[in-house]
Amino acid sequence: MVQADLTHFGGLTGLRKLAGWAAAYDVLLAPHNVCGPVGTAANLHFAIATPNHKVLEHFNDFADPWIGDLVAGAPTVDPTDGCFGLPTAPGLGVRFDHGAAAEHPRTHAHFNLVEDGWEHRGTAS
């Protein structure tokens, strides 16, 4: 199983090249995706176009509640089957909201993924 991150591995083109190499060795892909709604949309398009794509890892459930407000058309998981729906809008299927992004400037927050409770990122547990 190959678990590369689309946003850190050359985008759609880089990951498609990796998928071709993996397919030659009968290896499946399960992309690592901590990208938010835009990266998730790109990963969905990649999944649809890639025969050896197995599953899309995502951490959208751990994202701050306002992350979904950054784009119109953010991909969502169907609670009945745990799958994302197919994109239908033009491009990646999302439209970035610059105003919403301006309301949440970068904080330079850091969290340690090997520390107990990392997923709470400073919130009360």
Protein backbone atom coordinates (compact mmCIF):
# COMPACT_ATOMS: atom_id res chain seq x y z
CA MET A 1 0.00 0.00 0.00
CA VAL A 2 1.38 3.43 -0.96
CA GLN A 3 0.28 6.33 1.20
CA ALA A 4 1.69 9.51 -0.35
CA ASP A 5 0.16 12.96 0.20
CA LEU A 6 -1.06 14.66 -2.99
CA THR A 7 -0.12 18.13 -1.71
CA HIS A 8 3.42 17.05 -0.82
CA PHE A 9 4.13 14.71 -3.72
CA GLY A 10 3.92 16.85 -6.84
CA GLY A 11 0.17 17.38 -6.95
CA LEU A 12 -2.10 15.44 -9.27
CA THR A 13 0.67 14.86 -11.83
CA GLY A 14 3.20 13.55 -9.30
CA LEU A 15 0.70 11.25 -7.64
CA ARG A 16 -0.52 9.93 -11.02
CA LYS A 17 3.08 9.02 -11.89
CA LEU A 18 3.41 7.22 -8.55
CA ALA A 19 0.10 5.45 -9.16
CA GLY A 20 1.39 4.19 -12.52
CA TRP A 21 4.56 2.85 -10.91
CA ALA A 22 2.55 1.23 -8.11
CA ALA A 23 0.13 -0.36 -10.58
CA ALA A 24 3.06 -1.99 -12.40
CA TYR A 25 3.79 -3.84 -9.13
CA ASP A 26 0.12 -4.50 -8.25
CA VAL A 27 0.31 -2.04 -5.35
CA LEU A 28 -2.73 -0.08 -4.18
CA LEU A 29 -2.84 3.58 -3.12
CA ALA A 30 -4.45 5.03 -0.01
CA PRO A 31 -3.43 8.70 -0.19
CA HIS A 32 -2.63 10.50 3.05
CA ASN A 33 -4.89 13.56 3.14
CA VAL A 34 -4.79 16.20 5.87
CA CYS A 35 -5.43 18.96 3.35
CA GLY A 36 -8.83 20.38 4.24
CA PRO A 37 -11.70 20.71 1.77
CA VAL A 38 -9.68 21.84 -1.28
CA GLY A 39 -7.16 19.02 -0.93
CA THR A 40 -9.94 16.55 -0.27
CA ALA A 41 -11.69 17.66 -3.47
CA ALA A 42 -8.46 17.18 -5.44
CA ASN A 43 -7.98 13.75 -3.86
CA LEU A 44 -11.52 12.75 -4.86
CA HIS A 45 -10.79 13.60 -8.49
CA PHE A 46 -7.57 11.59 -8.23
CA ALA A 47 -9.47 8.63 -6.76
CA ILE A 48 -12.03 8.63 -9.55
CA ALA A 49 -9.30 8.63 -12.21
CA THR A 50 -7.02 6.02 -10.61
CA PRO A 51 -7.82 2.30 -10.96
CA ASN A 52 -5.48 1.19 -8.14
CA HIS A 53 -6.89 3.72 -5.62
CA LYS A 54 -8.13 1.81 -2.58
CA VAL A 55 -9.30 4.33 0.01
CA LEU A 56 -8.92 8.01 0.83
CA GLU A 57 -7.63 8.74 4.30
CA HIS A 58 -8.90 12.07 5.60
CA PHE A 59 -8.83 13.98 8.84
CA ASN A 60 -11.73 16.32 8.13
CA ASP A 61 -13.42 15.17 11.34
CA PHE A 62 -10.52 16.66 13.33
CA ALA A 63 -10.58 20.01 11.52
CA ASP A 64 -11.75 23.17 13.22
CA PRO A 65 -15.50 23.65 12.65
CA TRP A 66 -14.99 26.74 10.45
CA ILE A 67 -12.74 24.94 7.93
CA GLY A 68 -15.79 23.85 5.91
CA ASP A 69 -16.82 27.52 5.60
CA LEU A 70 -13.67 28.31 3.60
CA VAL A 71 -15.15 26.85 0.43
CA ALA A 72 -18.55 26.46 -1.14
CA GLY A 73 -19.16 22.87 -2.15
CA ALA A 74 -16.83 21.27 0.41
CA PRO A 75 -16.80 17.47 0.04
CA THR A 76 -18.77 15.72 2.76
CA VAL A 77 -19.01 12.10 3.82
CA ASP A 78 -22.36 10.33 3.47
CA PRO A 79 -23.14 9.06 6.98
CA THR A 80 -24.96 5.99 5.63
CA ASP A 81 -21.98 4.49 3.79
CA GLY A 82 -18.95 6.54 4.92
CA CYS A 83 -18.13 7.59 1.35
CA PHE A 84 -17.65 10.96 -0.27
CA GLY A 85 -20.03 11.82 -3.09
CA LEU A 86 -18.76 12.33 -6.63
CA PRO A 87 -17.86 15.93 -7.46
CA THR A 88 -20.25 17.54 -9.95
CA ALA A 89 -19.26 21.23 -10.07
CA PRO A 90 -16.66 22.60 -12.52
CA GLY A 91 -12.95 22.39 -11.69
CA LEU A 92 -12.30 20.76 -8.35
CA GLY A 93 -15.91 21.40 -7.43
CA VAL A 94 -15.19 23.90 -4.65
CA ARG A 95 -15.11 27.70 -4.63
CA PHE A 96 -12.75 29.39 -2.17
CA ASP A 97 -14.25 32.09 0.09
CA HIS A 98 -11.51 34.70 0.63
CA GLY A 99 -13.63 36.58 3.18
CA ALA A 100 -14.07 33.52 5.37
CA ALA A 101 -10.34 32.81 5.16
CA ALA A 102 -9.51 36.38 6.20
CA GLU A 103 -11.55 35.85 9.39
CA HIS A 104 -9.13 33.08 10.42
CA PRO A 105 -5.54 34.25 9.94
CA ARG A 106 -2.69 31.81 10.41
CA THR A 107 -1.87 31.16 14.09
CA HIS A 108 1.37 29.18 13.76
CA ALA A 109 -0.18 26.56 16.07
CA HIS A 110 1.81 23.37 16.59
CA PHE A 111 0.74 20.00 17.89
CA ASN A 112 2.78 16.91 18.63
CA LEU A 113 1.26 13.86 16.91
CA VAL A 114 2.88 11.44 19.35
CA GLU A 115 1.61 13.20 22.47
CA ASP A 116 -1.54 11.83 24.16
CA GLY A 117 -4.54 14.00 23.34
CA TRP A 118 -2.91 15.60 20.24
CA GLU A 119 -6.24 15.54 18.42
CA HIS A 120 -7.69 18.05 20.90
CA ARG A 121 -5.10 20.70 19.87
CA GLY A 122 -5.48 22.87 22.93
CA THR A 123 -9.23 22.45 23.41
CA ALA A 124 -10.73 21.12 26.62
CA SER A 125 -10.90 17.34 26.52
